[in-house]
Amino acid sequence: MTIKIDLENLGTVNKNRVRISNTDTNKSVDLYFSYKTIVGVNNLCNINEWSTTTGKLLNEIEPDHKKRVTRDVLLAELEKRLNDVLDNRKEIAEGVRL
């Protein structure tokens, strides 16, 4: 399995996207970070629990506030998407949760 990881700054220090791609399956996931905090997965984003600065990034990911989700839902989606990209391989250490 070949994994490619790309980091893209989206204009300011607090707005970054990390794309994790499995080049064997052509599957990928986009992770959005405000500073060091993950706030979005693909087009799904967290409700704003932070400042207006993070809110600007959230507005770029999902402008419709009604479509934003709680932290638990976002983290569950993160785990699901990472498992899909990583193809649920058994090489991942047993007992380690993504």
C-alpha atoms as a PDB file:
ATOM      1  CA  MET A   1       0.000   0.000   0.000  1.00  0.00           C
ATOM      2  CA  THR A   2       1.344   3.422  -0.929  1.00  0.00           C
ATOM      3  CA  ILE A   3       0.096   6.394   1.068  1.00  0.00           C
ATOM      4  CA  LYS A   4       0.661   9.971  -0.034  1.00  0.00           C
ATOM      5  CA  ILE A   5       0.240  12.889   2.378  1.00  0.00           C
ATOM      6  CA  ASP A   6      -0.025  16.483   1.151  1.00  0.00           C
ATOM      7  CA  LEU A   7      -0.228  19.632   3.272  1.00  0.00           C
ATOM      8  CA  GLU A   8      -1.779  22.779   1.846  1.00  0.00           C
ATOM      9  CA  ASN A   9      -1.928  26.112   3.619  1.00  0.00           C
ATOM     10  CA  LEU A  10      -5.227  27.806   2.795  1.00  0.00           C
ATOM     11  CA  GLY A  11      -4.023  31.372   3.227  1.00  0.00           C
ATOM     12  CA  THR A  12      -3.351  31.964   6.911  1.00  0.00           C
ATOM     13  CA  VAL A  13      -1.441  30.171   9.653  1.00  0.00           C
ATOM     14  CA  ASN A  14      -4.620  28.715  11.142  1.00  0.00           C
ATOM     15  CA  LYS A  15      -6.094  27.298   7.910  1.00  0.00           C
ATOM     16  CA  ASN A  16      -4.568  24.076   6.616  1.00  0.00           C
ATOM     17  CA  ARG A  17      -5.704  21.038   4.682  1.00  0.00           C
ATOM     18  CA  VAL A  18      -4.013  17.650   4.830  1.00  0.00           C
ATOM     19  CA  ARG A  19      -4.923  15.204   2.072  1.00  0.00           C
ATOM     20  CA  ILE A  20      -4.179  11.529   2.721  1.00  0.00           C
ATOM     21  CA  SER A  21      -4.350   9.407  -0.408  1.00  0.00           C
ATOM     22  CA  ASN A  22      -4.016   5.697  -1.048  1.00  0.00           C
ATOM     23  CA  THR A  23      -2.424   5.590  -4.492  1.00  0.00           C
ATOM     24  CA  ASP A  24      -3.285   1.904  -4.904  1.00  0.00           C
ATOM     25  CA  THR A  25      -7.044   2.416  -4.514  1.00  0.00           C
ATOM     26  CA  ASN A  26      -7.288   6.096  -5.536  1.00  0.00           C
ATOM     27  CA  LYS A  27      -9.162   6.833  -2.296  1.00  0.00           C
ATOM     28  CA  SER A  28      -8.416   9.975  -0.333  1.00  0.00           C
ATOM     29  CA  VAL A  29      -9.602  12.036   2.604  1.00  0.00           C
ATOM     30  CA  ASP A  30      -9.222  15.762   3.259  1.00  0.00           C
ATOM     31  CA  LEU A  31      -8.609  16.836   6.846  1.00  0.00           C
ATOM     32  CA  TYR A  32      -9.025  20.495   7.765  1.00  0.00           C
ATOM     33  CA  PHE A  33      -7.119  21.976  10.669  1.00  0.00           C
ATOM     34  CA  SER A  34      -7.413  25.260  12.492  1.00  0.00           C
ATOM     35  CA  TYR A  35      -3.984  25.563  14.014  1.00  0.00           C
ATOM     36  CA  LYS A  36      -3.488  22.010  15.399  1.00  0.00           C
ATOM     37  CA  THR A  37      -7.169  21.169  15.844  1.00  0.00           C
ATOM     38  CA  ILE A  38      -9.033  19.084  13.296  1.00  0.00           C
ATOM     39  CA  VAL A  39     -12.269  20.872  12.439  1.00  0.00           C
ATOM     40  CA  GLY A  40     -13.336  19.215   9.186  1.00  0.00           C
ATOM     41  CA  VAL A  41     -13.276  15.952   7.248  1.00  0.00           C
ATOM     42  CA  ASN A  42     -13.994  16.249   3.528  1.00  0.00           C
ATOM     43  CA  ASN A  43     -17.019  18.580   3.388  1.00  0.00           C
ATOM     44  CA  LEU A  44     -18.193  17.805   6.924  1.00  0.00           C
ATOM     45  CA  CYS A  45     -17.251  20.248   9.648  1.00  0.00           C
ATOM     46  CA  ASN A  46     -17.592  20.767  13.352  1.00  0.00           C
ATOM     47  CA  ILE A  47     -19.967  23.294  14.855  1.00  0.00           C
ATOM     48  CA  ASN A  48     -17.963  26.327  15.902  1.00  0.00           C
ATOM     49  CA  GLU A  49     -16.724  25.775  19.464  1.00  0.00           C
ATOM     50  CA  TRP A  50     -13.838  28.193  18.995  1.00  0.00           C
ATOM     51  CA  SER A  51     -13.165  31.758  17.883  1.00  0.00           C
ATOM     52  CA  THR A  52     -14.262  33.788  14.879  1.00  0.00           C
ATOM     53  CA  THR A  53     -10.888  32.997  13.299  1.00  0.00           C
ATOM     54  CA  THR A  54     -11.712  29.277  13.218  1.00  0.00           C
ATOM     55  CA  GLY A  55     -15.251  30.193  12.228  1.00  0.00           C
ATOM     56  CA  LYS A  56     -13.919  31.683   8.982  1.00  0.00           C
ATOM     57  CA  LEU A  57     -12.393  28.325   8.022  1.00  0.00           C
ATOM     58  CA  LEU A  58     -15.598  26.511   8.990  1.00  0.00           C
ATOM     59  CA  ASN A  59     -17.547  28.900   6.737  1.00  0.00           C
ATOM     60  CA  GLU A  60     -15.271  27.963   3.854  1.00  0.00           C
ATOM     61  CA  ILE A  61     -15.770  24.234   4.474  1.00  0.00           C
ATOM     62  CA  GLU A  62     -19.535  24.406   5.101  1.00  0.00           C
ATOM     63  CA  PRO A  63     -21.323  27.769   4.955  1.00  0.00           C
ATOM     64  CA  ASP A  64     -24.659  26.241   6.044  1.00  0.00           C
ATOM     65  CA  HIS A  65     -24.479  26.205   9.852  1.00  0.00           C
ATOM     66  CA  LYS A  66     -27.379  23.721  10.001  1.00  0.00           C
ATOM     67  CA  LYS A  67     -25.221  21.073   8.290  1.00  0.00           C
ATOM     68  CA  ARG A  68     -22.416  21.263  10.855  1.00  0.00           C
ATOM     69  CA  VAL A  69     -21.994  18.414  13.330  1.00  0.00           C
ATOM     70  CA  THR A  70     -20.903  17.825  16.907  1.00  0.00           C
ATOM     71  CA  ARG A  71     -17.344  16.843  17.767  1.00  0.00           C
ATOM     72  CA  ASP A  72     -18.309  13.185  18.372  1.00  0.00           C
ATOM     73  CA  VAL A  73     -19.925  12.900  14.938  1.00  0.00           C
ATOM     74  CA  LEU A  74     -16.923  14.526  13.250  1.00  0.00           C
ATOM     75  CA  LEU A  75     -14.433  12.215  14.973  1.00  0.00           C
ATOM     76  CA  ALA A  76     -16.523   9.154  14.056  1.00  0.00           C
ATOM     77  CA  GLU A  77     -16.504  10.296  10.427  1.00  0.00           C
ATOM     78  CA  LEU A  78     -12.739  10.856  10.645  1.00  0.00           C
ATOM     79  CA  GLU A  79     -12.203   7.285  11.827  1.00  0.00           C
ATOM     80  CA  LYS A  80     -14.500   5.893   9.116  1.00  0.00           C
ATOM     81  CA  ARG A  81     -12.810   7.855   6.311  1.00  0.00           C
ATOM     82  CA  LEU A  82      -9.272   7.038   7.461  1.00  0.00           C
ATOM     83  CA  ASN A  83     -10.140   3.336   7.703  1.00  0.00           C
ATOM     84  CA  ASP A  84     -11.553   3.498   4.181  1.00  0.00           C
ATOM     85  CA  VAL A  85      -8.445   5.193   2.750  1.00  0.00           C
ATOM     86  CA  LEU A  86      -6.122   2.865   4.635  1.00  0.00           C
ATOM     87  CA  ASP A  87      -8.200  -0.057   3.351  1.00  0.00           C
ATOM     88  CA  ASN A  88      -8.796  -1.447   6.871  1.00  0.00           C
ATOM     89  CA  ARG A  89      -5.418  -3.184   6.762  1.00  0.00           C
ATOM     90  CA  LYS A  90      -4.512  -5.491   9.619  1.00  0.00           C
ATOM     91  CA  GLU A  91      -1.037  -3.932   9.655  1.00  0.00           C
ATOM     92  CA  ILE A  92      -2.479  -1.193  11.856  1.00  0.00           C
ATOM     93  CA  ALA A  93      -1.465  -2.060  15.407  1.00  0.00           C
ATOM     94  CA  GLU A  94      -4.132  -3.994  17.252  1.00  0.00           C
ATOM     95  CA  GLY A  95      -5.904  -1.869  19.814  1.00  0.00           C
ATOM     96  CA  VAL A  96      -4.889   1.427  18.233  1.00  0.00           C
ATOM     97  CA  ARG A  97      -7.832   3.576  17.201  1.00  0.00           C
ATOM     98  CA  LEU A  98      -7.490   6.095  14.419  1.00  0.00           C
END
